Protein backbone atom coordinates (compact mmCIF):
# COMPACT_ATOMS: atom_id res chain seq x y z
CA MET A 1 -17.63 -9.49 120.71
CA LEU A 2 -20.61 -8.55 122.85
CA SER A 3 -24.03 -7.86 121.43
CA LYS A 4 -25.23 -4.33 120.74
CA GLU A 5 -27.82 -4.86 123.46
CA LYS A 6 -25.04 -5.03 126.08
CA ILE A 7 -23.59 -1.78 124.75
CA TYR A 8 -26.99 -0.09 124.70
CA ASP A 9 -27.69 -1.24 128.24
CA ALA A 10 -24.35 0.07 129.51
CA PHE A 11 -24.84 3.44 127.80
CA ALA A 12 -28.47 3.62 128.96
CA GLU A 13 -27.35 3.13 132.56
CA LEU A 14 -24.71 5.82 132.12
CA ILE A 15 -27.15 8.23 130.50
CA TYR A 16 -29.58 7.67 133.35
CA ALA A 17 -26.82 8.18 135.95
CA VAL A 18 -25.92 11.52 134.37
CA VAL A 19 -29.55 12.63 134.22
CA ILE A 20 -30.40 11.57 137.77
CA ALA A 21 -27.22 13.06 139.30
CA ASP A 22 -29.23 15.76 141.05
CA GLY A 23 -32.01 13.39 142.13
CA LYS A 24 -34.52 14.52 139.54
CA ILE A 25 -35.11 14.38 135.81
CA THR A 26 -35.88 17.74 134.23
CA GLN A 27 -38.18 18.33 131.29
CA LYS A 28 -35.21 19.68 129.27
CA GLU A 29 -33.31 16.45 129.84
CA GLU A 30 -36.30 14.35 128.82
CA GLU A 31 -36.81 16.45 125.67
CA VAL A 32 -33.17 16.15 124.63
CA ILE A 33 -33.14 12.41 125.17
CA SER A 34 -36.42 11.90 123.33
CA LYS A 35 -35.27 13.98 120.38
CA VAL A 36 -31.87 12.29 120.03
CA ILE A 37 -32.99 8.68 120.46
CA GLU A 38 -36.20 8.80 118.44
CA GLY A 39 -36.35 5.68 116.30
CA HIS A 40 -33.17 4.17 117.78
CA SER A 41 -32.91 0.77 119.50
CA ILE A 42 -31.39 2.29 122.64
CA LYS A 43 -34.75 3.94 123.38
CA LEU A 44 -36.06 0.78 125.08
CA ASP A 45 -32.97 0.42 127.25
CA ILE A 46 -33.12 4.03 128.37
CA GLN A 47 -36.84 3.75 129.08
CA LYS A 48 -36.13 0.73 131.32
CA TYR A 49 -33.91 2.87 133.56
CA PHE A 50 -36.33 5.78 133.61
CA ASP A 51 -39.21 3.46 134.49
CA SER A 52 -37.23 1.88 137.34
CA LYS A 53 -36.69 5.30 138.92
CA ALA A 54 -33.44 4.10 140.51
CA LYS A 55 -31.72 6.88 142.42
CA ASN A 56 -28.49 5.26 143.51
CA ILE A 57 -26.67 4.76 140.22
CA SER A 58 -23.13 6.08 140.54
CA ILE A 59 -21.81 8.07 137.59
CA ALA A 60 -18.25 6.91 138.26
CA GLN A 61 -19.28 3.24 138.44
CA SER A 62 -21.41 3.62 135.31
CA PHE A 63 -18.44 5.14 133.46
CA MET A 64 -16.24 2.22 134.44
CA ASN A 65 -18.91 -0.33 133.53
CA THR A 66 -19.59 1.27 130.15
CA LEU A 67 -15.90 1.48 129.30
CA GLU A 68 -15.39 -2.17 130.26
CA VAL A 69 -18.36 -3.34 128.17
CA CYS A 70 -17.08 -1.37 125.19
CA LYS A 71 -13.55 -2.72 125.62
CA GLN A 72 -14.96 -6.25 125.51
CA HIS A 73 -17.01 -5.39 122.43
CA GLY A 74 -14.34 -3.47 120.53
CA ASN A 75 -14.83 -0.58 118.11
CA ASP A 76 -18.35 0.11 116.95
CA SER A 77 -19.88 2.64 114.59
CA GLU A 78 -22.51 3.45 117.27
CA TYR A 79 -20.04 5.01 119.72
CA PRO A 80 -20.08 8.56 118.28
CA PHE A 81 -23.90 8.57 118.46
CA LEU A 82 -23.87 7.34 122.06
CA LEU A 83 -21.26 9.92 123.07
CA ARG A 84 -23.35 12.62 121.40
CA ILE A 85 -26.29 11.67 123.62
CA LEU A 86 -24.10 12.15 126.71
CA ASP A 87 -22.80 15.47 125.43
CA ASP A 88 -26.29 16.75 124.56
CA ILE A 89 -27.59 15.79 128.00
CA SER A 90 -24.65 17.38 129.79
CA GLN A 91 -25.41 20.66 128.00
CA VAL A 92 -28.89 20.89 129.56
CA SER A 93 -28.35 18.96 132.80
CA GLU A 94 -28.68 21.03 135.93
CA GLY A 95 -27.61 18.13 138.12
CA LEU A 96 -23.96 17.84 137.21
CA ASN A 97 -21.71 19.47 139.73
CA LYS A 98 -18.19 20.49 138.76
CA ASP A 99 -16.69 17.12 139.74
CA GLU A 100 -19.32 15.17 137.80
CA GLY A 101 -18.88 17.42 134.78
CA ASN A 102 -15.13 16.89 134.92
CA LEU A 103 -15.67 13.16 135.28
CA LEU A 104 -17.94 13.15 132.23
CA SER A 105 -15.32 15.08 130.23
CA GLU A 106 -12.63 12.64 131.35
CA PHE A 107 -14.81 9.69 130.37
CA ILE A 108 -15.49 11.07 126.90
CA GLY A 109 -11.80 11.87 126.43
CA SER A 110 -10.71 8.42 127.63
CA PHE A 111 -13.34 6.77 125.48
CA LYS A 112 -12.24 8.61 122.37
CA LYS A 113 -8.61 7.81 123.09
CA LYS A 114 -9.37 4.11 123.59
CA PHE A 115 -11.53 3.91 120.48
CA GLN A 116 -9.57 6.18 118.17
CA SER A 117 -11.92 5.68 115.25
CA ILE A 118 -14.34 8.09 116.93
């Protein structure tokens, strides 16, 4: 079983990849993230990605990485919360094109199927 930190890092990378898909981070996206993660341990991991200002994080690669990390870790009670962050961000994100939106939906569906306790 992997540590929660590995899970948080994988989800933080994925969250950042979704937010930066259009090359910029909007105020709406920042507000949603801040509201949802307030007081949660993942806040530091997400902040690390935002501070790095990386622009070349692939959504598809981040999906695969996150899924692999979670497979290695196994079921976790945090997964619904982490998926909710992705869903909340996708609702306000202006940077997801149709393909990226479909990819996000596929990821969430695959994730829920793999970890059926969600």
